[in-house]
Each structure stands twice: as structure tokens, then as C-alpha cells.
């Protein structure tokens, strides 16, 4: 579960939601929320239920199955196969979390249980790729935003600085974002209010299957 946090700060970061294990094995280490599949559930329904029950997280803008981790010794005891999902929480949603659950920057993960660190890395790489060729940014952004805010969100998710003008041009050309016709409130320093934009759709779609956003230089 990813969210770009600190959007209004000077250094927003991509964060992943983790909970601290209270029982052995790997007691005290951090792990991705999860659990067993119910007999009457499909995988997606199970993920939504467990997020709601275990960490009280219901504000999901995007959820999709990513990969299967099936190493026979990935966890102690009976063989357990894990299916991972990419879930995105929009900014500035602030879900109330239980005490054992916390957002962590993906660039500074704590000690992780089992194979959950590779799971986070894989999900991050898929998000980075999808930001290039889909409209998935809608699931991280506020409903209305200035281009500078969207630049910061993309930069935090991608892991490198993004040029606001180029980002605007690319997303407008692909019919991903549009002006709302309104402007943001003026900041303390005054100046011309920034135009506000929104994503045209809040449903995931491929916009250019061969596109790739790349770091500057």
C-alpha cells in the first residue's frame, strides 16, 4: 500500500504501509498487511477485507494484483504462497491507523519480516513503470491540484526530480489531465495564483504502452 506523504512540504516521499508483528516468527519486525484467504473469498475481496479489519484502511483509489511469491522456504512451517497487490491511497487522505501500523518511506525501510522487502521493491518498480504508460497518477493525487503539486507527487513516486512543464505537456497530450477553470489560493508570498487541474478519469487505463518517463540528463 503506497501513498505520497508530505505533499505540502519541501520533500514529499513515497511511503508504504507496514504493521509490526506481535508474534513469532519474526516478532517485532515489520511486514506488509495480509492474511489467509477465506474459503468464500476471491483474492481482491480478501485484500479489501483484511485492510479494513486489520489496519482500518478503506480509502483505496487503486488496487491490482501484481505477483506471486512461492519460494518453498519463504516462511517457516507449512508452505505458504503469497500473492501481492499494488494498492494506492490518494493524497491528502489520512486514514486512522492502529498503534502497531505505520507509514514508512520506501527509501528507508525498517527491518522487514520474511521476503516482504523484495515485495515492496517489486511493487515500487511496477508503480514507476505504470506512471510512464498509464494514468495511474490519479490514484496518488488530490482531486484538484496545481501542476507543481503533481510534479512533486510524480517525483516522489519515481525517485527523481520531474520537470513540471514537460510533465504537463505529456499528460495533456495523452488526455490524462485537464484544467478545472479555477485557481489555487495565493500563497503568503503573493504572486499569480496557479491554475488547477484534475485527472480526466479516475479509472485505470493505458495511455501509451511504449512510453517511458526517464530521469533528467
C-alpha atoms as a PDB file:
ATOM      1  CA  UNK A   1       0.000   0.000   0.000  1.00  0.00           C
ATOM      2  CA  UNK A   2       1.634   3.227  -1.184  1.00  0.00           C
ATOM      3  CA  UNK A   3       0.887   6.898  -0.553  1.00  0.00           C
ATOM      4  CA  UNK A   4       2.873  10.054  -1.303  1.00  0.00           C
ATOM      5  CA  UNK A   5       3.011  11.861   2.037  1.00  0.00           C
ATOM      6  CA  UNK A   6       4.132  15.370   2.865  1.00  0.00           C
ATOM      7  CA  UNK A   7       2.837  16.785  -0.413  1.00  0.00           C
ATOM      8  CA  UNK A   8       2.686  20.271   1.117  1.00  0.00           C
ATOM      9  CA  UNK A   9       6.222  20.010   2.484  1.00  0.00           C
ATOM     10  CA  UNK A  10       9.513  20.673   0.747  1.00  0.00           C
ATOM     11  CA  UNK A  11      10.297  16.988   0.383  1.00  0.00           C
ATOM     12  CA  UNK A  12       7.292  14.702  -0.182  1.00  0.00           C
ATOM     13  CA  UNK A  13       8.097  10.988  -0.046  1.00  0.00           C
ATOM     14  CA  UNK A  14       6.579   7.742  -1.273  1.00  0.00           C
ATOM     15  CA  UNK A  15       5.550   5.688   1.761  1.00  0.00           C
ATOM     16  CA  UNK A  16       4.469   2.091   2.256  1.00  0.00           C
ATOM     17  CA  UNK A  17       2.059   0.914   4.935  1.00  0.00           C
ATOM     18  CA  UNK A  18       3.555  -1.672   7.317  1.00  0.00           C
ATOM     19  CA  UNK A  19       2.476  -3.319  10.552  1.00  0.00           C
ATOM     20  CA  UNK A  20       4.730  -4.677  13.282  1.00  0.00           C
ATOM     21  CA  UNK A  21       4.478  -8.372  14.013  1.00  0.00           C
ATOM     22  CA  UNK A  22       3.478  -9.148  17.600  1.00  0.00           C
ATOM     23  CA  UNK A  23       4.004 -12.920  17.388  1.00  0.00           C
ATOM     24  CA  UNK A  24       6.737 -15.329  16.335  1.00  0.00           C
ATOM     25  CA  UNK A  25       8.163 -15.984  13.843  1.00  0.00           C
ATOM     26  CA  UNK A  26       9.903 -12.659  13.113  1.00  0.00           C
ATOM     27  CA  UNK A  27       8.312 -10.996  16.128  1.00  0.00           C
ATOM     28  CA  UNK A  28       8.974  -7.253  16.198  1.00  0.00           C
ATOM     29  CA  UNK A  29       9.821  -6.989  12.512  1.00  0.00           C
ATOM     30  CA  UNK A  30       7.703  -5.014  10.089  1.00  0.00           C
ATOM     31  CA  UNK A  31       5.598  -6.642   7.395  1.00  0.00           C
ATOM     32  CA  UNK A  32       3.042  -5.863   4.756  1.00  0.00           C
ATOM     33  CA  UNK A  33      -0.580  -6.222   5.909  1.00  0.00           C
ATOM     34  CA  UNK A  34      -2.001  -9.559   4.876  1.00  0.00           C
ATOM     35  CA  UNK A  35      -3.527 -12.825   5.960  1.00  0.00           C
ATOM     36  CA  UNK A  36      -5.161 -16.024   4.853  1.00  0.00           C
ATOM     37  CA  UNK A  37      -7.691 -16.299   2.056  1.00  0.00           C
ATOM     38  CA  UNK A  38     -11.167 -17.166   3.264  1.00  0.00           C
ATOM     39  CA  UNK A  39     -12.945 -20.175   1.798  1.00  0.00           C
ATOM     40  CA  UNK A  40     -15.675 -17.947   0.371  1.00  0.00           C
ATOM     41  CA  UNK A  41     -13.408 -15.137  -0.922  1.00  0.00           C
ATOM     42  CA  UNK A  42     -11.578 -14.226  -4.077  1.00  0.00           C
ATOM     43  CA  UNK A  43      -8.169 -12.582  -3.662  1.00  0.00           C
ATOM     44  CA  UNK A  44      -9.292  -8.987  -4.190  1.00  0.00           C
ATOM     45  CA  UNK A  45     -12.174  -9.304  -1.718  1.00  0.00           C
ATOM     46  CA  UNK A  46      -9.773 -10.812   0.815  1.00  0.00           C
ATOM     47  CA  UNK A  47      -7.315  -7.927   0.452  1.00  0.00           C
ATOM     48  CA  UNK A  48     -10.009  -5.308   0.952  1.00  0.00           C
ATOM     49  CA  UNK A  49     -11.416  -7.141   3.979  1.00  0.00           C
ATOM     50  CA  UNK A  50      -8.050  -7.555   5.656  1.00  0.00           C
ATOM     51  CA  UNK A  51      -7.061  -3.935   5.102  1.00  0.00           C
ATOM     52  CA  UNK A  52     -10.352  -2.816   6.612  1.00  0.00           C
ATOM     53  CA  UNK A  53     -10.225  -5.234   9.563  1.00  0.00           C
ATOM     54  CA  UNK A  54      -6.540  -5.147  10.449  1.00  0.00           C
ATOM     55  CA  UNK A  55      -5.457  -1.585   9.707  1.00  0.00           C
ATOM     56  CA  UNK A  56      -8.814   0.170   9.181  1.00  0.00           C
ATOM     57  CA  UNK A  57      -7.796   1.297   5.695  1.00  0.00           C
ATOM     58  CA  UNK A  58     -10.695   1.807   3.289  1.00  0.00           C
ATOM     59  CA  UNK A  59      -9.628   4.803   1.155  1.00  0.00           C
ATOM     60  CA  UNK A  60      -8.202   2.939  -1.831  1.00  0.00           C
ATOM     61  CA  UNK A  61      -8.068   4.697  -5.188  1.00  0.00           C
ATOM     62  CA  UNK A  62      -6.445   1.754  -6.989  1.00  0.00           C
ATOM     63  CA  UNK A  63      -5.900  -1.946  -6.256  1.00  0.00           C
ATOM     64  CA  UNK A  64      -4.466  -4.603  -8.543  1.00  0.00           C
ATOM     65  CA  UNK A  65      -2.793  -7.973  -8.250  1.00  0.00           C
ATOM     66  CA  UNK A  66       0.932  -7.901  -9.004  1.00  0.00           C
ATOM     67  CA  UNK A  67       2.912 -11.077  -8.391  1.00  0.00           C
ATOM     68  CA  UNK A  68       3.125 -14.458  -6.672  1.00  0.00           C
ATOM     69  CA  UNK A  69       5.954 -15.298  -4.235  1.00  0.00           C
ATOM     70  CA  UNK A  70       6.270 -19.081  -3.962  1.00  0.00           C
ATOM     71  CA  UNK A  71       9.721 -19.973  -2.650  1.00  0.00           C
ATOM     72  CA  UNK A  72       9.159 -23.204  -0.638  1.00  0.00           C
ATOM     73  CA  UNK A  73      11.100 -21.800   2.337  1.00  0.00           C
ATOM     74  CA  UNK A  74       9.907 -18.181   2.222  1.00  0.00           C
ATOM     75  CA  UNK A  75       8.283 -18.594   5.678  1.00  0.00           C
ATOM     76  CA  UNK A  76       8.841 -21.206   8.413  1.00  0.00           C
ATOM     77  CA  UNK A  77       6.369 -24.062   8.799  1.00  0.00           C
ATOM     78  CA  UNK A  78       3.834 -25.245   6.214  1.00  0.00           C
ATOM     79  CA  UNK A  79       4.445 -23.988   2.723  1.00  0.00           C
ATOM     80  CA  UNK A  80       2.786 -20.608   2.172  1.00  0.00           C
ATOM     81  CA  UNK A  81       2.336 -18.913  -1.195  1.00  0.00           C
ATOM     82  CA  UNK A  82       1.802 -15.145  -1.195  1.00  0.00           C
ATOM     83  CA  UNK A  83       0.024 -13.047  -3.807  1.00  0.00           C
ATOM     84  CA  UNK A  84       0.978  -9.372  -3.731  1.00  0.00           C
ATOM     85  CA  UNK A  85      -1.169  -6.393  -4.667  1.00  0.00           C
ATOM     86  CA  UNK A  86      -0.432  -2.787  -5.568  1.00  0.00           C
ATOM     87  CA  UNK A  87      -2.708  -0.508  -3.592  1.00  0.00           C
ATOM     88  CA  UNK A  88      -2.652   3.296  -3.773  1.00  0.00           C
ATOM     89  CA  UNK A  89      -4.063   5.813  -1.307  1.00  0.00           C
ATOM     90  CA  UNK A  90      -4.598   9.345  -2.652  1.00  0.00           C
ATOM     91  CA  UNK A  91      -3.186  12.488  -1.098  1.00  0.00           C
ATOM     92  CA  UNK A  92      -4.202  14.028   1.248  1.00  0.00           C
ATOM     93  CA  UNK A  93      -6.202  11.116   2.722  1.00  0.00           C
ATOM     94  CA  UNK A  94      -5.200  10.476   6.348  1.00  0.00           C
ATOM     95  CA  UNK A  95      -6.661   7.131   7.417  1.00  0.00           C
ATOM     96  CA  UNK A  96      -6.630   6.447  11.154  1.00  0.00           C
ATOM     97  CA  UNK A  97      -4.208   3.614  11.851  1.00  0.00           C
ATOM     98  CA  UNK A  98      -3.871   1.255  14.829  1.00  0.00           C
ATOM     99  CA  UNK A  99      -0.808   1.674  17.087  1.00  0.00           C
ATOM    100  CA  UNK A 100       1.133  -1.201  15.501  1.00  0.00           C
ATOM    101  CA  UNK A 101       0.744   0.162  11.965  1.00  0.00           C
ATOM    102  CA  UNK A 102       2.742   2.980  10.374  1.00  0.00           C
ATOM    103  CA  UNK A 103       3.702   4.603   7.080  1.00  0.00           C
ATOM    104  CA  UNK A 104       7.412   4.166   6.242  1.00  0.00           C
ATOM    105  CA  UNK A 105       9.404   5.842   3.439  1.00  0.00           C
ATOM    106  CA  UNK A 106      10.239   3.230   0.807  1.00  0.00           C
ATOM    107  CA  UNK A 107      13.761   4.673   0.694  1.00  0.00           C
ATOM    108  CA  UNK A 108      14.317   3.902   4.391  1.00  0.00           C
ATOM    109  CA  UNK A 109      12.552   0.646   5.231  1.00  0.00           C
ATOM    110  CA  UNK A 110      12.858  -0.797   8.744  1.00  0.00           C
ATOM    111  CA  UNK A 111      13.938  -4.402   9.358  1.00  0.00           C
ATOM    112  CA  UNK A 112      11.396  -6.435   7.383  1.00  0.00           C
ATOM    113  CA  UNK A 113       9.955  -9.879   8.026  1.00  0.00           C
ATOM    114  CA  UNK A 114      10.376 -12.801   5.628  1.00  0.00           C
ATOM    115  CA  UNK A 115      10.577 -11.705   1.952  1.00  0.00           C
ATOM    116  CA  UNK A 116       8.500  -8.544   2.368  1.00  0.00           C
ATOM    117  CA  UNK A 117      11.330  -6.138   1.472  1.00  0.00           C
ATOM    118  CA  UNK A 118      11.631  -7.651  -2.041  1.00  0.00           C
ATOM    119  CA  UNK A 119       7.845  -7.436  -2.302  1.00  0.00           C
ATOM    120  CA  UNK A 120       7.974  -3.690  -1.601  1.00  0.00           C
ATOM    121  CA  UNK A 121      10.801  -3.225  -4.116  1.00  0.00           C
ATOM    122  CA  UNK A 122       8.881  -5.112  -6.800  1.00  0.00           C
ATOM    123  CA  UNK A 123       5.712  -3.109  -6.190  1.00  0.00           C
ATOM    124  CA  UNK A 124       7.682   0.143  -6.336  1.00  0.00           C
ATOM    125  CA  UNK A 125       9.236  -0.847  -9.673  1.00  0.00           C
ATOM    126  CA  UNK A 126       5.813  -1.676 -11.110  1.00  0.00           C
ATOM    127  CA  UNK A 127       4.407   1.664  -9.921  1.00  0.00           C
ATOM    128  CA  UNK A 128       7.319   3.515 -11.541  1.00  0.00           C
ATOM    129  CA  UNK A 129       6.699   1.709 -14.826  1.00  0.00           C
ATOM    130  CA  UNK A 130       2.951   2.327 -14.723  1.00  0.00           C
ATOM    131  CA  UNK A 131       3.439   6.056 -14.153  1.00  0.00           C
ATOM    132  CA  UNK A 132       5.073   6.139 -17.588  1.00  0.00           C
ATOM    133  CA  UNK A 133       2.422   4.435 -19.684  1.00  0.00           C
ATOM    134  CA  UNK A 134      -0.864   4.729 -17.746  1.00  0.00           C
ATOM    135  CA  UNK A 135      -2.930   7.363 -15.951  1.00  0.00           C
ATOM    136  CA  UNK A 136      -2.298   5.762 -12.540  1.00  0.00           C
ATOM    137  CA  UNK A 137      -1.214   9.116 -11.103  1.00  0.00           C
ATOM    138  CA  UNK A 138      -4.898   9.805 -10.416  1.00  0.00           C
ATOM    139  CA  UNK A 139      -4.698   7.333  -7.517  1.00  0.00           C
ATOM    140  CA  UNK A 140      -1.938   9.307  -5.769  1.00  0.00           C
ATOM    141  CA  UNK A 141      -3.067  12.881  -6.411  1.00  0.00           C
ATOM    142  CA  UNK A 142      -5.756  15.096  -4.842  1.00  0.00           C
ATOM    143  CA  UNK A 143      -8.932  15.610  -6.858  1.00  0.00           C
ATOM    144  CA  UNK A 144      -7.664  19.073  -7.886  1.00  0.00           C
ATOM    145  CA  UNK A 145      -4.045  20.150  -7.953  1.00  0.00           C
ATOM    146  CA  UNK A 146      -1.551  22.649  -9.300  1.00  0.00           C
ATOM    147  CA  UNK A 147       0.991  21.268 -11.758  1.00  0.00           C
ATOM    148  CA  UNK A 148       3.722  21.911  -9.189  1.00  0.00           C
ATOM    149  CA  UNK A 149       1.917  19.604  -6.760  1.00  0.00           C
ATOM    150  CA  UNK A 150       1.561  16.894  -9.390  1.00  0.00           C
ATOM    151  CA  UNK A 151       5.252  17.293 -10.223  1.00  0.00           C
ATOM    152  CA  UNK A 152       6.135  16.672  -6.578  1.00  0.00           C
ATOM    153  CA  UNK A 153       3.906  13.594  -6.409  1.00  0.00           C
ATOM    154  CA  UNK A 154       5.393  12.084  -9.570  1.00  0.00           C
ATOM    155  CA  UNK A 155       8.897  12.938  -8.392  1.00  0.00           C
ATOM    156  CA  UNK A 156       8.357  11.252  -5.024  1.00  0.00           C
ATOM    157  CA  UNK A 157       6.958   8.122  -6.637  1.00  0.00           C
ATOM    158  CA  UNK A 158       9.580   7.941  -9.390  1.00  0.00           C
ATOM    159  CA  UNK A 159      12.507   8.736  -7.124  1.00  0.00           C
ATOM    160  CA  UNK A 160      13.904  11.646  -9.141  1.00  0.00           C
ATOM    161  CA  UNK A 161      13.033  15.256  -9.944  1.00  0.00           C
ATOM    162  CA  UNK A 162      10.453  15.872 -12.656  1.00  0.00           C
ATOM    163  CA  UNK A 163      10.158  18.958 -14.840  1.00  0.00           C
ATOM    164  CA  UNK A 164       6.686  20.436 -14.317  1.00  0.00           C
ATOM    165  CA  UNK A 165       6.355  21.846 -17.853  1.00  0.00           C
ATOM    166  CA  UNK A 166       7.314  18.579 -19.519  1.00  0.00           C
ATOM    167  CA  UNK A 167       5.000  16.586 -17.247  1.00  0.00           C
ATOM    168  CA  UNK A 168       2.100  18.898 -18.013  1.00  0.00           C
ATOM    169  CA  UNK A 169       2.735  18.698 -21.754  1.00  0.00           C
ATOM    170  CA  UNK A 170       2.959  14.900 -21.772  1.00  0.00           C
ATOM    171  CA  UNK A 171      -0.159  14.346 -19.678  1.00  0.00           C
ATOM    172  CA  UNK A 172      -2.221  16.889 -21.615  1.00  0.00           C
ATOM    173  CA  UNK A 173      -1.139  15.366 -24.916  1.00  0.00           C
ATOM    174  CA  UNK A 174      -2.326  11.960 -23.712  1.00  0.00           C
ATOM    175  CA  UNK A 175      -5.656  13.413 -22.496  1.00  0.00           C
ATOM    176  CA  UNK A 176      -4.855  12.429 -18.908  1.00  0.00           C
ATOM    177  CA  UNK A 177      -5.321  15.806 -17.161  1.00  0.00           C
ATOM    178  CA  UNK A 178      -7.356  18.933 -17.881  1.00  0.00           C
ATOM    179  CA  UNK A 179      -7.795  22.401 -16.391  1.00  0.00           C
ATOM    180  CA  UNK A 180     -10.643  22.857 -13.937  1.00  0.00           C
ATOM    181  CA  UNK A 181     -11.075  26.525 -14.800  1.00  0.00           C
ATOM    182  CA  UNK A 182     -10.257  27.544 -11.232  1.00  0.00           C
ATOM    183  CA  UNK A 183      -7.074  28.642  -9.474  1.00  0.00           C
ATOM    184  CA  UNK A 184      -5.370  27.871  -6.203  1.00  0.00           C
ATOM    185  CA  UNK A 185      -5.377  30.342  -3.338  1.00  0.00           C
ATOM    186  CA  UNK A 186      -2.481  32.746  -3.357  1.00  0.00           C
ATOM    187  CA  UNK A 187       0.368  31.823  -1.023  1.00  0.00           C
ATOM    188  CA  UNK A 188       1.947  34.023   1.619  1.00  0.00           C
ATOM    189  CA  UNK A 189       4.343  35.467  -0.945  1.00  0.00           C
ATOM    190  CA  UNK A 190       1.522  36.527  -3.222  1.00  0.00           C
ATOM    191  CA  UNK A 191       2.051  36.204  -6.944  1.00  0.00           C
ATOM    192  CA  UNK A 192      -0.232  34.903  -9.644  1.00  0.00           C
ATOM    193  CA  UNK A 193      -2.474  32.059  -8.428  1.00  0.00           C
ATOM    194  CA  UNK A 194      -1.677  28.700 -10.021  1.00  0.00           C
ATOM    195  CA  UNK A 195      -4.201  27.102 -12.365  1.00  0.00           C
ATOM    196  CA  UNK A 196      -5.801  23.955 -11.003  1.00  0.00           C
ATOM    197  CA  UNK A 197      -6.020  20.683 -12.904  1.00  0.00           C
ATOM    198  CA  UNK A 198      -7.756  17.343 -12.435  1.00  0.00           C
ATOM    199  CA  UNK A 199      -7.418  13.878 -13.923  1.00  0.00           C
ATOM    200  CA  UNK A 200      -9.969  13.303 -16.666  1.00  0.00           C
ATOM    201  CA  UNK A 201     -10.648   9.768 -15.443  1.00  0.00           C
ATOM    202  CA  UNK A 202     -10.405   8.069 -12.073  1.00  0.00           C
ATOM    203  CA  UNK A 203     -10.332   4.659 -13.665  1.00  0.00           C
ATOM    204  CA  UNK A 204      -7.049   2.983 -14.591  1.00  0.00           C
ATOM    205  CA  UNK A 205      -6.182   2.887 -18.291  1.00  0.00           C
ATOM    206  CA  UNK A 206      -3.139   2.554 -20.538  1.00  0.00           C
ATOM    207  CA  UNK A 207      -2.362   5.855 -22.269  1.00  0.00           C
ATOM    208  CA  UNK A 208       0.783   4.997 -24.257  1.00  0.00           C
ATOM    209  CA  UNK A 209       2.036   1.424 -23.940  1.00  0.00           C
ATOM    210  CA  UNK A 210       5.505   2.272 -25.277  1.00  0.00           C
ATOM    211  CA  UNK A 211       6.112   5.412 -23.185  1.00  0.00           C
ATOM    212  CA  UNK A 212       8.801   5.652 -20.504  1.00  0.00           C
ATOM    213  CA  UNK A 213       9.498   8.519 -18.140  1.00  0.00           C
ATOM    214  CA  UNK A 214      13.222   8.828 -17.561  1.00  0.00           C
ATOM    215  CA  UNK A 215      15.429  10.755 -15.119  1.00  0.00           C
ATOM    216  CA  UNK A 216      16.792  14.074 -16.444  1.00  0.00           C
ATOM    217  CA  UNK A 217      20.217  14.069 -18.040  1.00  0.00           C
END
